[in-house]
Amino acid sequence: MGIKLANPKPLGLCAFAVTTMVLSMHTAGIGIPYNSPNGVVVGLCMFYGGMTQFIAGLINFVDGTPFDATSFCSFGAFWMAYGAIQIPWFGVIGGWGANNNATQRHSTGIFFLAWTIFIFIVMVASYRRHLGVAFMFTCLWLTFLMLCIGSWRDTDKFLKAGGSFGFITSIIAFYLAATYMITEDHGFINLINVDLRPKNRRIAEDGHE
């Protein structure tokens, strides 16, 4: 008899939500002065948003759900990459040179640009899944688009906008995680998340309509 694995989606969503919220609040200046040091997020990037979310994605590969597997593994890898950029030991920030701010901004902009393209693909794919997921990835795409423009042009208003969209994204991710954890079996209510999947796919994936 094979080992039954728990649904990894709430774990992956919580890891994504917590890390996104902490970084976004620093980026947007919510509850903390804008452009304050964000070193507190590095630990989250490496271990919760990064490693934990990546593991959730690997479990989704075992379950045969490529959308969730690709999303969780990719964003887990994103957080670990972002955390590595912030750690001096990796030599990324130091490699730009103290006086080469333009190179740093453009490199960061290219980094966010690639992720903006990837998230656009995920966003379009999410429109035939659940309404909350589609809304989350739409806000996430706007987050990265603003961060890309803000980094490339060194414009605070775009960076703050990216942080604000990121904060909204994290709230949606928390809600989606709650829809898996707060149910009639584990709480008192069933939270709503409108299913956008075609009927035949719902039956194939869930075993019922």
Protein backbone atom coordinates (compact mmCIF):
# COMPACT_ATOMS: atom_id res chain seq x y z
CA MET A 1 0.00 0.00 0.00
CA GLY A 2 1.49 3.34 -1.04
CA ILE A 3 2.08 6.26 1.28
CA LYS A 4 -0.80 8.74 1.25
CA LEU A 5 0.51 12.30 1.02
CA ALA A 6 -1.36 15.28 2.40
CA ASN A 7 -2.55 18.01 0.05
CA PRO A 8 0.49 20.34 -0.25
CA LYS A 9 -1.47 23.33 -1.58
CA PRO A 10 -2.21 25.06 1.77
CA LEU A 11 1.44 24.70 2.81
CA GLY A 12 2.69 26.12 -0.48
CA LEU A 13 0.19 28.98 -0.38
CA CYS A 14 1.05 29.88 3.23
CA ALA A 15 4.77 29.87 2.44
CA PHE A 16 4.12 32.09 -0.56
CA ALA A 17 1.76 34.41 1.33
CA VAL A 18 3.95 35.00 4.38
CA THR A 19 7.12 35.71 2.40
CA THR A 20 5.32 37.89 -0.14
CA MET A 21 3.62 39.92 2.58
CA VAL A 22 6.81 40.64 4.53
CA LEU A 23 8.80 41.72 1.45
CA SER A 24 5.90 43.69 -0.03
CA MET A 25 5.34 45.67 3.16
CA HIS A 26 9.01 46.67 3.11
CA THR A 27 8.86 47.53 -0.59
CA ALA A 28 5.68 49.61 -0.33
CA GLY A 29 6.57 51.21 3.00
CA ILE A 30 3.55 49.70 4.77
CA GLY A 31 4.07 49.84 8.53
CA ILE A 32 7.74 50.68 8.04
CA PRO A 33 9.58 53.58 6.38
CA TYR A 34 9.97 53.09 2.63
CA ASN A 35 13.32 51.69 1.49
CA SER A 36 14.19 50.40 4.98
CA PRO A 37 16.64 47.45 5.17
CA ASN A 38 14.73 44.26 4.36
CA GLY A 39 17.23 41.74 5.73
CA VAL A 40 14.50 40.16 7.86
CA VAL A 41 12.98 38.65 4.71
CA VAL A 42 16.13 36.72 3.74
CA GLY A 43 15.44 33.87 6.18
CA LEU A 44 11.89 33.58 4.87
CA CYS A 45 13.17 33.60 1.28
CA MET A 46 15.53 30.73 1.89
CA PHE A 47 13.54 28.46 4.19
CA TYR A 48 9.79 29.16 4.08
CA GLY A 49 9.01 30.89 0.82
CA GLY A 50 11.90 29.05 -0.81
CA MET A 51 12.61 25.54 0.45
CA THR A 52 9.18 24.80 1.94
CA GLN A 53 7.29 26.01 -1.12
CA PHE A 54 9.64 24.06 -3.40
CA ILE A 55 8.93 20.87 -1.44
CA ALA A 56 5.19 21.52 -1.79
CA GLY A 57 5.71 21.71 -5.54
CA LEU A 58 7.59 18.40 -5.60
CA ILE A 59 4.67 16.72 -3.83
CA ASN A 60 2.37 18.13 -6.51
CA PHE A 61 4.55 16.46 -9.14
CA VAL A 62 3.93 13.15 -7.36
CA ASP A 63 0.19 13.91 -7.31
CA GLY A 64 0.22 14.59 -11.05
CA THR A 65 -0.85 18.24 -10.93
CA PRO A 66 1.58 20.04 -13.26
CA PHE A 67 0.11 23.54 -12.84
CA ASP A 68 0.54 23.52 -9.06
CA ALA A 69 3.88 21.71 -9.29
CA THR A 70 5.29 24.22 -11.76
CA SER A 71 3.94 27.19 -9.81
CA PHE A 72 5.15 26.13 -6.37
CA CYS A 73 8.56 24.85 -7.52
CA SER A 74 9.17 27.94 -9.64
CA PHE A 75 8.23 30.44 -6.95
CA GLY A 76 10.12 28.45 -4.34
CA ALA A 77 13.18 28.72 -6.58
CA PHE A 78 12.46 32.43 -7.11
CA TRP A 79 12.51 33.11 -3.39
CA MET A 80 15.75 31.19 -2.90
CA ALA A 81 17.32 33.10 -5.81
CA TYR A 82 16.12 36.43 -4.43
CA GLY A 83 17.43 35.54 -0.98
CA ALA A 84 20.80 34.56 -2.45
CA ILE A 85 21.05 37.94 -4.20
CA GLN A 86 20.67 39.66 -0.81
CA ILE A 87 23.34 37.55 0.94
CA PRO A 88 26.86 39.05 0.57
CA TRP A 89 28.47 35.59 0.62
CA PHE A 90 27.05 34.89 -2.85
CA GLY A 91 28.82 37.98 -4.20
CA VAL A 92 25.94 39.16 -6.40
CA ILE A 93 25.48 42.66 -5.00
CA GLY A 94 29.21 43.12 -4.47
CA GLY A 95 29.86 42.04 -8.05
CA TRP A 96 28.04 45.10 -9.38
CA GLY A 97 30.52 47.46 -7.78
CA ALA A 98 29.82 50.22 -5.30
CA ASN A 99 29.40 52.96 -7.91
CA ASN A 100 27.67 51.01 -10.66
CA ASN A 101 24.05 51.65 -9.68
CA ALA A 102 22.83 51.68 -13.30
CA THR A 103 24.10 48.13 -13.89
CA GLN A 104 22.50 46.97 -10.66
CA ARG A 105 19.15 48.53 -11.58
CA HIS A 106 19.16 47.15 -15.11
CA SER A 107 20.22 43.66 -13.98
CA THR A 108 17.45 43.64 -11.39
CA GLY A 109 15.00 44.90 -14.00
CA ILE A 110 15.96 42.05 -16.36
CA PHE A 111 15.55 39.59 -13.48
CA PHE A 112 12.02 40.84 -12.83
CA LEU A 113 11.25 41.00 -16.57
CA ALA A 114 11.89 37.29 -17.03
CA TRP A 115 9.64 36.51 -14.09
CA THR A 116 6.97 38.88 -15.41
CA ILE A 117 6.84 36.86 -18.65
CA PHE A 118 6.68 33.57 -16.75
CA ILE A 119 3.91 34.83 -14.46
CA PHE A 120 1.92 36.04 -17.46
CA ILE A 121 1.88 32.46 -18.77
CA VAL A 122 0.81 31.13 -15.36
CA MET A 123 -1.80 33.88 -15.07
CA VAL A 124 -3.44 32.97 -18.40
CA ALA A 125 -3.44 29.27 -17.43
CA SER A 126 -5.06 30.12 -14.08
CA TYR A 127 -8.17 31.56 -15.74
CA ARG A 128 -9.57 28.03 -16.15
CA ARG A 129 -8.92 26.96 -12.56
CA HIS A 130 -10.42 28.92 -9.65
CA LEU A 131 -11.45 32.56 -9.41
CA GLY A 132 -9.25 33.23 -6.38
CA VAL A 133 -6.22 31.70 -8.10
CA ALA A 134 -6.84 33.77 -11.23
CA PHE A 135 -7.18 36.94 -9.16
CA MET A 136 -4.00 36.14 -7.21
CA PHE A 137 -1.88 35.59 -10.32
CA THR A 138 -3.28 38.70 -11.98
CA CYS A 139 -2.20 40.79 -8.98
CA LEU A 140 1.14 38.97 -8.90
CA TRP A 141 1.74 39.78 -12.57
CA LEU A 142 1.04 43.45 -11.86
CA THR A 143 3.43 43.21 -8.90
CA PHE A 144 6.32 42.00 -11.02
CA LEU A 145 5.51 44.36 -13.88
CA MET A 146 5.71 47.33 -11.50
CA LEU A 147 8.91 46.02 -9.92
CA CYS A 148 10.45 45.50 -13.36
CA ILE A 149 9.65 49.06 -14.48
CA GLY A 150 10.61 50.54 -11.11
CA SER A 151 13.96 48.74 -11.04
CA TRP A 152 14.82 49.55 -14.65
CA ARG A 153 13.91 53.23 -14.37
CA ASP A 154 14.83 53.63 -10.69
CA THR A 155 11.37 55.06 -10.01
CA ASP A 156 10.10 54.88 -6.45
CA LYS A 157 6.43 55.20 -7.37
CA PHE A 158 6.55 52.02 -9.49
CA LEU A 159 8.45 50.13 -6.80
CA LYS A 160 5.91 51.22 -4.18
CA ALA A 161 3.09 50.22 -6.53
CA GLY A 162 4.71 46.81 -6.92
CA GLY A 163 4.90 46.46 -3.16
CA SER A 164 1.23 47.42 -2.83
CA PHE A 165 0.13 44.88 -5.45
CA GLY A 166 2.34 42.32 -3.73
CA PHE A 167 0.62 43.00 -0.42
CA ILE A 168 -2.79 42.46 -2.06
CA THR A 169 -1.45 39.26 -3.63
CA SER A 170 -0.39 37.95 -0.23
CA ILE A 171 -3.84 38.59 1.25
CA ILE A 172 -5.44 36.61 -1.58
CA ALA A 173 -2.92 33.78 -1.06
CA PHE A 174 -3.77 33.69 2.65
CA TYR A 175 -7.46 33.43 1.77
CA LEU A 176 -6.81 30.61 -0.71
CA ALA A 177 -4.81 28.73 1.93
CA ALA A 178 -7.71 29.22 4.34
CA THR A 179 -10.15 27.67 1.85
CA TYR A 180 -8.23 24.40 2.20
CA MET A 181 -7.77 24.59 5.98
CA ILE A 182 -11.06 26.09 7.20
CA THR A 183 -13.79 23.70 6.11
CA GLU A 184 -16.83 22.11 7.71
CA ASP A 185 -14.57 19.22 8.74
CA HIS A 186 -11.96 21.46 10.39
CA GLY A 187 -13.98 24.55 11.30
CA PHE A 188 -17.49 25.88 11.06
CA ILE A 189 -17.75 27.17 7.50
CA ASN A 190 -16.70 26.50 3.93
CA LEU A 191 -14.95 29.49 2.36
CA ILE A 192 -15.93 30.30 -1.20
CA ASN A 193 -13.57 29.88 -4.15
CA VAL A 194 -15.47 29.79 -7.44
CA ASP A 195 -14.39 26.88 -9.65
CA LEU A 196 -13.66 27.95 -13.24
CA ARG A 197 -12.69 24.51 -14.53
CA PRO A 198 -14.79 22.79 -17.20
CA LYS A 199 -17.10 20.10 -15.83
CA ASN A 200 -15.22 17.20 -17.41
CA ARG A 201 -11.92 18.36 -15.90
CA ARG A 202 -13.46 18.79 -12.46
CA ILE A 203 -14.67 15.21 -12.59
CA ALA A 204 -11.30 13.93 -13.84
CA GLU A 205 -9.29 15.81 -11.17
CA ASP A 206 -11.65 15.64 -8.17
CA GLY A 207 -13.67 12.52 -8.88
CA HIS A 208 -16.94 14.45 -8.65
CA GLU A 209 -18.67 17.49 -10.15
